[in-house]
Full PDB file with SEQRES, HELIX, SHEET, SSBOND, CRYST1, ORIGX, SCALE, CONECT and MASTER records, all heavy atoms in Angstrom:
SEQRES   1 A   30  GLY LYS THR VAL THR ILE THR PHE PHE ASN GLY ASP VAL          
SEQRES   2 A   30  LYS GLN ILE MET PRO ASP GLN THR VAL ILE TYR TYR TYR          
SEQRES   3 A   30  ALA ASP ALA LYS                                              
SHEET    1 AA1 3 VAL A   4  THR A   7  0                                        
SHEET    2 AA1 3 VAL A  13  ILE A  16 -1                                        
SHEET    3 AA1 3 VAL A  22  TYR A  25 -1                                        
CRYST1    1.000    1.000    1.000  90.00  90.00  90.00 P 1           1          
ORIGX1      1.000000  0.000000  0.000000        0.00000                         
ORIGX2      0.000000  1.000000  0.000000        0.00000                         
ORIGX3      0.000000  0.000000  1.000000        0.00000                         
SCALE1      1.000000  0.000000  0.000000        0.00000                         
SCALE2      0.000000  1.000000  0.000000        0.00000                         
SCALE3      0.000000  0.000000  1.000000        0.00000                         
ATOM      1  N   GLY A   1     -13.800  22.936 -40.084  1.00  0.00           N  
ATOM      2  CA  GLY A   1     -12.845  23.488 -39.117  1.00  0.00           C  
ATOM      3  C   GLY A   1     -13.116  24.928 -38.775  1.00  0.00           C  
ATOM      4  O   GLY A   1     -12.433  25.520 -37.962  1.00  0.00           O  
ATOM      5  N   LYS A   2     -14.131  25.525 -39.416  1.00  0.00           N  
ATOM      6  CA  LYS A   2     -14.410  26.961 -39.230  1.00  0.00           C  
ATOM      7  C   LYS A   2     -15.740  27.196 -38.508  1.00  0.00           C  
ATOM      8  O   LYS A   2     -15.940  28.281 -37.946  1.00  0.00           O  
ATOM      9  CB  LYS A   2     -14.429  27.679 -40.590  1.00  0.00           C  
ATOM     10  CG  LYS A   2     -13.085  27.671 -41.256  1.00  0.00           C  
ATOM     11  CD  LYS A   2     -13.200  28.349 -42.606  1.00  0.00           C  
ATOM     12  CE  LYS A   2     -11.856  28.326 -43.358  1.00  0.00           C  
ATOM     13  NZ  LYS A   2     -11.969  28.923 -44.668  1.00  0.00           N  
ATOM     14  N   THR A   3     -16.653  26.225 -38.617  1.00  0.00           N  
ATOM     15  CA  THR A   3     -17.949  26.392 -37.982  1.00  0.00           C  
ATOM     16  C   THR A   3     -17.891  25.728 -36.585  1.00  0.00           C  
ATOM     17  O   THR A   3     -17.616  24.599 -36.474  1.00  0.00           O  
ATOM     18  CB  THR A   3     -19.061  25.752 -38.822  1.00  0.00           C  
ATOM     19  OG1 THR A   3     -18.968  26.272 -40.124  1.00  0.00           O  
ATOM     20  CG2 THR A   3     -20.419  25.976 -38.217  1.00  0.00           C  
ATOM     21  N   VAL A   4     -18.146  26.582 -35.546  1.00  0.00           N  
ATOM     22  CA  VAL A   4     -18.037  26.091 -34.174  1.00  0.00           C  
ATOM     23  C   VAL A   4     -19.356  26.400 -33.485  1.00  0.00           C  
ATOM     24  O   VAL A   4     -19.887  27.488 -33.558  1.00  0.00           O  
ATOM     25  CB  VAL A   4     -16.900  26.788 -33.427  1.00  0.00           C  
ATOM     26  CG1 VAL A   4     -16.823  26.302 -31.976  1.00  0.00           C  
ATOM     27  CG2 VAL A   4     -15.548  26.535 -34.146  1.00  0.00           C  
ATOM     28  N   THR A   5     -19.879  25.396 -32.781  1.00  0.00           N  
ATOM     29  CA  THR A   5     -21.100  25.580 -31.983  1.00  0.00           C  
ATOM     30  C   THR A   5     -20.786  25.107 -30.566  1.00  0.00           C  
ATOM     31  O   THR A   5     -20.365  23.966 -30.386  1.00  0.00           O  
ATOM     32  CB  THR A   5     -22.288  24.763 -32.554  1.00  0.00           C  
ATOM     33  OG1 THR A   5     -22.501  25.171 -33.891  1.00  0.00           O  
ATOM     34  CG2 THR A   5     -23.564  24.997 -31.767  1.00  0.00           C  
ATOM     35  N   ILE A   6     -21.011  25.994 -29.638  1.00  0.00           N  
ATOM     36  CA  ILE A   6     -20.813  25.657 -28.223  1.00  0.00           C  
ATOM     37  C   ILE A   6     -22.158  25.701 -27.529  1.00  0.00           C  
ATOM     38  O   ILE A   6     -22.821  26.754 -27.536  1.00  0.00           O  
ATOM     39  CB  ILE A   6     -19.814  26.612 -27.530  1.00  0.00           C  
ATOM     40  CG1 ILE A   6     -18.468  26.604 -28.289  1.00  0.00           C  
ATOM     41  CG2 ILE A   6     -19.625  26.216 -26.082  1.00  0.00           C  
ATOM     42  CD1 ILE A   6     -17.553  27.740 -27.899  1.00  0.00           C  
ATOM     43  N   THR A   7     -22.597  24.619 -26.948  1.00  0.00           N  
ATOM     44  CA  THR A   7     -23.828  24.552 -26.174  1.00  0.00           C  
ATOM     45  C   THR A   7     -23.413  24.490 -24.724  1.00  0.00           C  
ATOM     46  O   THR A   7     -22.792  23.518 -24.282  1.00  0.00           O  
ATOM     47  CB  THR A   7     -24.638  23.333 -26.574  1.00  0.00           C  
ATOM     48  OG1 THR A   7     -24.888  23.371 -27.991  1.00  0.00           O  
ATOM     49  CG2 THR A   7     -26.015  23.337 -25.873  1.00  0.00           C  
ATOM     50  N   PHE A   8     -23.743  25.585 -24.019  1.00  0.00           N  
ATOM     51  CA  PHE A   8     -23.347  25.671 -22.587  1.00  0.00           C  
ATOM     52  C   PHE A   8     -24.302  24.916 -21.684  1.00  0.00           C  
ATOM     53  O   PHE A   8     -25.475  24.666 -22.054  1.00  0.00           O  
ATOM     54  CB  PHE A   8     -23.217  27.131 -22.158  1.00  0.00           C  
ATOM     55  CG  PHE A   8     -22.151  27.863 -22.929  1.00  0.00           C  
ATOM     56  CD1 PHE A   8     -22.439  28.586 -24.070  1.00  0.00           C  
ATOM     57  CD2 PHE A   8     -20.843  27.830 -22.481  1.00  0.00           C  
ATOM     58  CE1 PHE A   8     -21.444  29.272 -24.743  1.00  0.00           C  
ATOM     59  CE2 PHE A   8     -19.846  28.528 -23.174  1.00  0.00           C  
ATOM     60  CZ  PHE A   8     -20.138  29.232 -24.306  1.00  0.00           C  
ATOM     61  N   PHE A   9     -23.841  24.608 -20.498  1.00  0.00           N  
ATOM     62  CA  PHE A   9     -24.640  23.854 -19.515  1.00  0.00           C  
ATOM     63  C   PHE A   9     -25.935  24.567 -19.138  1.00  0.00           C  
ATOM     64  O   PHE A   9     -26.904  23.930 -18.785  1.00  0.00           O  
ATOM     65  CB  PHE A   9     -23.794  23.571 -18.271  1.00  0.00           C  
ATOM     66  CG  PHE A   9     -23.361  24.807 -17.544  1.00  0.00           C  
ATOM     67  CD1 PHE A   9     -24.140  25.339 -16.518  1.00  0.00           C  
ATOM     68  CD2 PHE A   9     -22.185  25.443 -17.891  1.00  0.00           C  
ATOM     69  CE1 PHE A   9     -23.742  26.500 -15.869  1.00  0.00           C  
ATOM     70  CE2 PHE A   9     -21.807  26.597 -17.224  1.00  0.00           C  
ATOM     71  CZ  PHE A   9     -22.583  27.114 -16.221  1.00  0.00           C  
ATOM     72  N   ASN A  10     -25.953  25.902 -19.259  1.00  0.00           N  
ATOM     73  CA  ASN A  10     -27.151  26.677 -18.884  1.00  0.00           C  
ATOM     74  C   ASN A  10     -28.153  26.836 -20.055  1.00  0.00           C  
ATOM     75  O   ASN A  10     -29.136  27.526 -19.915  1.00  0.00           O  
ATOM     76  CB  ASN A  10     -26.770  28.055 -18.330  1.00  0.00           C  
ATOM     77  CG  ASN A  10     -26.062  28.908 -19.367  1.00  0.00           C  
ATOM     78  OD1 ASN A  10     -25.833  28.508 -20.518  1.00  0.00           O  
ATOM     79  ND2 ASN A  10     -25.756  30.145 -18.997  1.00  0.00           N  
ATOM     80  N   GLY A  11     -27.828  26.220 -21.220  1.00  0.00           N  
ATOM     81  CA  GLY A  11     -28.756  26.298 -22.334  1.00  0.00           C  
ATOM     82  C   GLY A  11     -28.324  27.351 -23.376  1.00  0.00           C  
ATOM     83  O   GLY A  11     -28.886  27.390 -24.488  1.00  0.00           O  
ATOM     84  N   ASP A  12     -27.414  28.238 -23.038  1.00  0.00           N  
ATOM     85  CA  ASP A  12     -26.921  29.238 -23.980  1.00  0.00           C  
ATOM     86  C   ASP A  12     -26.189  28.518 -25.117  1.00  0.00           C  
ATOM     87  O   ASP A  12     -25.608  27.452 -24.915  1.00  0.00           O  
ATOM     88  CB  ASP A  12     -25.928  30.209 -23.346  1.00  0.00           C  
ATOM     89  CG  ASP A  12     -26.581  31.182 -22.361  1.00  0.00           C  
ATOM     90  OD1 ASP A  12     -27.799  31.084 -22.146  1.00  0.00           O  
ATOM     91  OD2 ASP A  12     -25.818  32.056 -21.861  1.00  0.00           O  
ATOM     92  N   VAL A  13     -26.267  29.098 -26.331  1.00  0.00           N  
ATOM     93  CA  VAL A  13     -25.614  28.509 -27.466  1.00  0.00           C  
ATOM     94  C   VAL A  13     -24.822  29.612 -28.202  1.00  0.00           C  
ATOM     95  O   VAL A  13     -25.338  30.665 -28.472  1.00  0.00           O  
ATOM     96  CB  VAL A  13     -26.631  27.895 -28.462  1.00  0.00           C  
ATOM     97  CG1 VAL A  13     -25.905  27.319 -29.696  1.00  0.00           C  
ATOM     98  CG2 VAL A  13     -27.437  26.810 -27.779  1.00  0.00           C  
ATOM     99  N   LYS A  14     -23.552  29.313 -28.482  1.00  0.00           N  
ATOM    100  CA  LYS A  14     -22.688  30.252 -29.210  1.00  0.00           C  
ATOM    101  C   LYS A  14     -22.242  29.548 -30.518  1.00  0.00           C  
ATOM    102  O   LYS A  14     -21.748  28.453 -30.458  1.00  0.00           O  
ATOM    103  CB  LYS A  14     -21.436  30.619 -28.381  1.00  0.00           C  
ATOM    104  CG  LYS A  14     -20.509  31.570 -29.071  1.00  0.00           C  
ATOM    105  CD  LYS A  14     -19.297  31.902 -28.184  1.00  0.00           C  
ATOM    106  CE  LYS A  14     -18.359  32.873 -28.827  1.00  0.00           C  
ATOM    107  NZ  LYS A  14     -17.220  33.206 -27.945  1.00  0.00           N  
ATOM    108  N   GLN A  15     -22.511  30.251 -31.638  1.00  0.00           N  
ATOM    109  CA  GLN A  15     -22.112  29.688 -32.943  1.00  0.00           C  
ATOM    110  C   GLN A  15     -21.093  30.686 -33.549  1.00  0.00           C  
ATOM    111  O   GLN A  15     -21.350  31.906 -33.551  1.00  0.00           O  
ATOM    112  CB  GLN A  15     -23.283  29.563 -33.878  1.00  0.00           C  
ATOM    113  CG  GLN A  15     -24.282  28.485 -33.432  1.00  0.00           C  
ATOM    114  CD  GLN A  15     -25.453  28.444 -34.406  1.00  0.00           C  
ATOM    115  OE1 GLN A  15     -26.296  29.327 -34.401  1.00  0.00           O  
ATOM    116  NE2 GLN A  15     -25.457  27.468 -35.249  1.00  0.00           N  
ATOM    117  N   ILE A  16     -20.018  30.134 -34.093  1.00  0.00           N  
ATOM    118  CA  ILE A  16     -19.098  30.934 -34.833  1.00  0.00           C  
ATOM    119  C   ILE A  16     -19.087  30.420 -36.240  1.00  0.00           C  
ATOM    120  O   ILE A  16     -18.853  29.203 -36.493  1.00  0.00           O  
ATOM    121  CB  ILE A  16     -17.622  30.830 -34.225  1.00  0.00           C  
ATOM    122  CG1 ILE A  16     -17.702  31.268 -32.772  1.00  0.00           C  
ATOM    123  CG2 ILE A  16     -16.684  31.704 -35.009  1.00  0.00           C  
ATOM    124  CD1 ILE A  16     -16.426  30.957 -31.983  1.00  0.00           C  
ATOM    125  N   MET A  17     -19.441  31.260 -37.191  1.00  0.00           N  
ATOM    126  CA  MET A  17     -19.596  30.886 -38.559  1.00  0.00           C  
ATOM    127  C   MET A  17     -18.284  31.038 -39.342  1.00  0.00           C  
ATOM    128  O   MET A  17     -17.357  31.725 -38.895  1.00  0.00           O  
ATOM    129  CB  MET A  17     -20.701  31.730 -39.240  1.00  0.00           C  
ATOM    130  CG  MET A  17     -21.985  31.756 -38.450  1.00  0.00           C  
ATOM    131  SD  MET A  17     -22.664  30.135 -37.982  1.00  0.00           S  
ATOM    132  CE  MET A  17     -23.425  29.678 -39.497  1.00  0.00           C  
ATOM    133  N   PRO A  18     -18.166  30.417 -40.516  1.00  0.00           N  
ATOM    134  CA  PRO A  18     -16.946  30.531 -41.286  1.00  0.00           C  
ATOM    135  C   PRO A  18     -16.507  31.957 -41.593  1.00  0.00           C  
ATOM    136  O   PRO A  18     -15.327  32.252 -41.685  1.00  0.00           O  
ATOM    137  CB  PRO A  18     -17.256  29.779 -42.602  1.00  0.00           C  
ATOM    138  CG  PRO A  18     -18.315  28.826 -42.175  1.00  0.00           C  
ATOM    139  CD  PRO A  18     -19.127  29.507 -41.148  1.00  0.00           C  
ATOM    140  N   ASP A  19     -17.461  32.907 -41.697  1.00  0.00           N  
ATOM    141  CA  ASP A  19     -17.135  34.288 -42.038  1.00  0.00           C  
ATOM    142  C   ASP A  19     -16.852  35.085 -40.760  1.00  0.00           C  
ATOM    143  O   ASP A  19     -16.769  36.310 -40.792  1.00  0.00           O  
ATOM    144  CB  ASP A  19     -18.271  34.983 -42.840  1.00  0.00           C  
ATOM    145  CG  ASP A  19     -19.563  35.123 -42.045  1.00  0.00           C  
ATOM    146  OD1 ASP A  19     -19.617  34.664 -40.899  1.00  0.00           O  
ATOM    147  OD2 ASP A  19     -20.499  35.710 -42.609  1.00  0.00           O  
ATOM    148  N   GLN A  20     -16.715  34.417 -39.617  1.00  0.00           N  
ATOM    149  CA  GLN A  20     -16.460  34.981 -38.281  1.00  0.00           C  
ATOM    150  C   GLN A  20     -17.650  35.643 -37.648  1.00  0.00           C  
ATOM    151  O   GLN A  20     -17.509  36.366 -36.629  1.00  0.00           O  
ATOM    152  CB  GLN A  20     -15.208  35.915 -38.309  1.00  0.00           C  
ATOM    153  CG  GLN A  20     -13.923  35.194 -38.650  1.00  0.00           C  
ATOM    154  CD  GLN A  20     -13.677  34.014 -37.709  1.00  0.00           C  
ATOM    155  OE1 GLN A  20     -13.612  34.157 -36.500  1.00  0.00           O  
ATOM    156  NE2 GLN A  20     -13.578  32.794 -38.260  1.00  0.00           N  
ATOM    157  N   THR A  21     -18.852  35.511 -38.250  1.00  0.00           N  
ATOM    158  CA  THR A  21     -20.061  35.981 -37.595  1.00  0.00           C  
ATOM    159  C   THR A  21     -20.231  35.141 -36.321  1.00  0.00           C  
ATOM    160  O   THR A  21     -20.117  33.926 -36.349  1.00  0.00           O  
ATOM    161  CB  THR A  21     -21.259  35.833 -38.510  1.00  0.00           C  
ATOM    162  OG1 THR A  21     -21.085  36.672 -39.653  1.00  0.00           O  
ATOM    163  CG2 THR A  21     -22.564  36.190 -37.837  1.00  0.00           C  
ATOM    164  N   VAL A  22     -20.554  35.808 -35.210  1.00  0.00           N  
ATOM    165  CA  VAL A  22     -20.791  35.130 -33.955  1.00  0.00           C  
ATOM    166  C   VAL A  22     -22.269  35.302 -33.571  1.00  0.00           C  
ATOM    167  O   VAL A  22     -22.776  36.416 -33.504  1.00  0.00           O  
ATOM    168  CB  VAL A  22     -19.900  35.659 -32.824  1.00  0.00           C  
ATOM    169  CG1 VAL A  22     -20.187  34.975 -31.507  1.00  0.00           C  
ATOM    170  CG2 VAL A  22     -18.405  35.499 -33.192  1.00  0.00           C  
ATOM    171  N   ILE A  23     -22.949  34.224 -33.376  1.00  0.00           N  
ATOM    172  CA  ILE A  23     -24.368  34.226 -32.961  1.00  0.00           C  
ATOM    173  C   ILE A  23     -24.454  33.638 -31.554  1.00  0.00           C  
ATOM    174  O   ILE A  23     -24.058  32.478 -31.359  1.00  0.00           O  
ATOM    175  CB  ILE A  23     -25.251  33.402 -33.926  1.00  0.00           C  
ATOM    176  CG1 ILE A  23     -25.062  33.925 -35.376  1.00  0.00           C  
ATOM    177  CG2 ILE A  23     -26.694  33.420 -33.507  1.00  0.00           C  
ATOM    178  CD1 ILE A  23     -25.590  32.973 -36.421  1.00  0.00           C  
ATOM    179  N   TYR A  24     -24.907  34.423 -30.596  1.00  0.00           N  
ATOM    180  CA  TYR A  24     -25.009  33.953 -29.228  1.00  0.00           C  
ATOM    181  C   TYR A  24     -26.475  33.999 -28.834  1.00  0.00           C  
ATOM    182  O   TYR A  24     -27.110  35.057 -28.900  1.00  0.00           O  
ATOM    183  CB  TYR A  24     -24.141  34.801 -28.276  1.00  0.00           C  
ATOM    184  CG  TYR A  24     -23.879  34.155 -26.971  1.00  0.00           C  
ATOM    185  CD1 TYR A  24     -22.660  33.623 -26.671  1.00  0.00           C  
ATOM    186  CD2 TYR A  24     -24.897  34.056 -26.017  1.00  0.00           C  
ATOM    187  CE1 TYR A  24     -22.427  32.978 -25.430  1.00  0.00           C  
ATOM    188  CE2 TYR A  24     -24.678  33.409 -24.782  1.00  0.00           C  
ATOM    189  CZ  TYR A  24     -23.421  32.890 -24.502  1.00  0.00           C  
ATOM    190  OH  TYR A  24     -23.190  32.275 -23.323  1.00  0.00           O  
ATOM    191  N   TYR A  25     -26.980  32.880 -28.390  1.00  0.00           N  
ATOM    192  CA  TYR A  25     -28.360  32.767 -27.898  1.00  0.00           C  
ATOM    193  C   TYR A  25     -28.342  32.664 -26.390  1.00  0.00           C  
ATOM    194  O   TYR A  25     -27.727  31.737 -25.833  1.00  0.00           O  
ATOM    195  CB  TYR A  25     -29.087  31.582 -28.548  1.00  0.00           C  
ATOM    196  CG  TYR A  25     -30.467  31.382 -27.985  1.00  0.00           C  
ATOM    197  CD1 TYR A  25     -31.487  32.217 -28.377  1.00  0.00           C  
ATOM    198  CD2 TYR A  25     -30.754  30.369 -27.093  1.00  0.00           C  
ATOM    199  CE1 TYR A  25     -32.798  32.061 -27.879  1.00  0.00           C  
ATOM    200  CE2 TYR A  25     -32.020  30.183 -26.583  1.00  0.00           C  
ATOM    201  CZ  TYR A  25     -33.038  31.041 -26.987  1.00  0.00           C  
ATOM    202  OH  TYR A  25     -34.320  30.882 -26.511  1.00  0.00           O  
ATOM    203  N   TYR A  26     -28.968  33.605 -25.737  1.00  0.00           N  
ATOM    204  CA  TYR A  26     -29.141  33.572 -24.255  1.00  0.00           C  
ATOM    205  C   TYR A  26     -30.440  32.873 -23.935  1.00  0.00           C  
ATOM    206  O   TYR A  26     -31.528  33.391 -24.202  1.00  0.00           O  
ATOM    207  CB  TYR A  26     -29.156  34.984 -23.695  1.00  0.00           C  
ATOM    208  CG  TYR A  26     -27.856  35.759 -23.932  1.00  0.00           C  
ATOM    209  CD1 TYR A  26     -27.702  36.555 -25.054  1.00  0.00           C  
ATOM    210  CD2 TYR A  26     -26.824  35.709 -22.984  1.00  0.00           C  
ATOM    211  CE1 TYR A  26     -26.540  37.279 -25.298  1.00  0.00           C  
ATOM    212  CE2 TYR A  26     -25.664  36.428 -23.212  1.00  0.00           C  
ATOM    213  CZ  TYR A  26     -25.508  37.203 -24.343  1.00  0.00           C  
ATOM    214  OH  TYR A  26     -24.339  37.892 -24.552  1.00  0.00           O  
ATOM    215  N   ALA A  27     -30.332  31.690 -23.364  1.00  0.00           N  
ATOM    216  CA  ALA A  27     -31.499  30.851 -23.173  1.00  0.00           C  
ATOM    217  C   ALA A  27     -32.474  31.450 -22.165  1.00  0.00           C  
ATOM    218  O   ALA A  27     -33.684  31.486 -22.432  1.00  0.00           O  
ATOM    219  CB  ALA A  27     -31.080  29.444 -22.704  1.00  0.00           C  
ATOM    220  N   ASP A  28     -31.986  31.929 -21.029  1.00  0.00           N  
ATOM    221  CA  ASP A  28     -32.883  32.462 -20.006  1.00  0.00           C  
ATOM    222  C   ASP A  28     -33.667  33.676 -20.542  1.00  0.00           C  
ATOM    223  O   ASP A  28     -34.855  33.782 -20.303  1.00  0.00           O  
ATOM    224  CB  ASP A  28     -32.094  32.900 -18.744  1.00  0.00           C  
ATOM    225  CG  ASP A  28     -31.758  31.712 -17.886  1.00  0.00           C  
ATOM    226  OD1 ASP A  28     -32.268  30.609 -18.108  1.00  0.00           O  
ATOM    227  OD2 ASP A  28     -30.961  31.884 -16.938  1.00  0.00           O  
ATOM    228  N   ALA A  29     -32.999  34.599 -21.260  1.00  0.00           N  
ATOM    229  CA  ALA A  29     -33.636  35.814 -21.769  1.00  0.00           C  
ATOM    230  C   ALA A  29     -34.311  35.571 -23.115  1.00  0.00           C  
ATOM    231  O   ALA A  29     -34.969  36.460 -23.617  1.00  0.00           O  
ATOM    232  CB  ALA A  29     -32.632  36.913 -21.896  1.00  0.00           C  
ATOM    233  N   LYS A  30     -34.084  34.377 -23.725  1.00  0.00           N  
ATOM    234  CA  LYS A  30     -34.602  34.117 -25.071  1.00  0.00           C  
ATOM    235  C   LYS A  30     -34.212  35.221 -26.023  1.00  0.00           C  
ATOM    236  O   LYS A  30     -35.053  35.743 -26.783  1.00  0.00           O  
ATOM    237  CB  LYS A  30     -36.103  33.906 -25.049  1.00  0.00           C  
ATOM    238  CG  LYS A  30     -36.536  32.675 -24.242  1.00  0.00           C  
ATOM    239  CD  LYS A  30     -38.065  32.546 -24.236  1.00  0.00           C  
ATOM    240  CE  LYS A  30     -38.511  31.296 -23.516  1.00  0.00           C  
ATOM    241  NZ  LYS A  30     -38.352  31.327 -22.091  1.00  0.00           N  
TER     242      LYS A  30                                                      
MASTER        0    0    0    0    3    0    0    6  241    1    0    3          
END                                                                             
């Protein structure tokens, strides 16, 4: 219930980890 991964239509990926770390990958810019 704490780990969230959102894969956007443009290829970007946002991950929210249990410790509230947010990792956002911009696909176009790599």
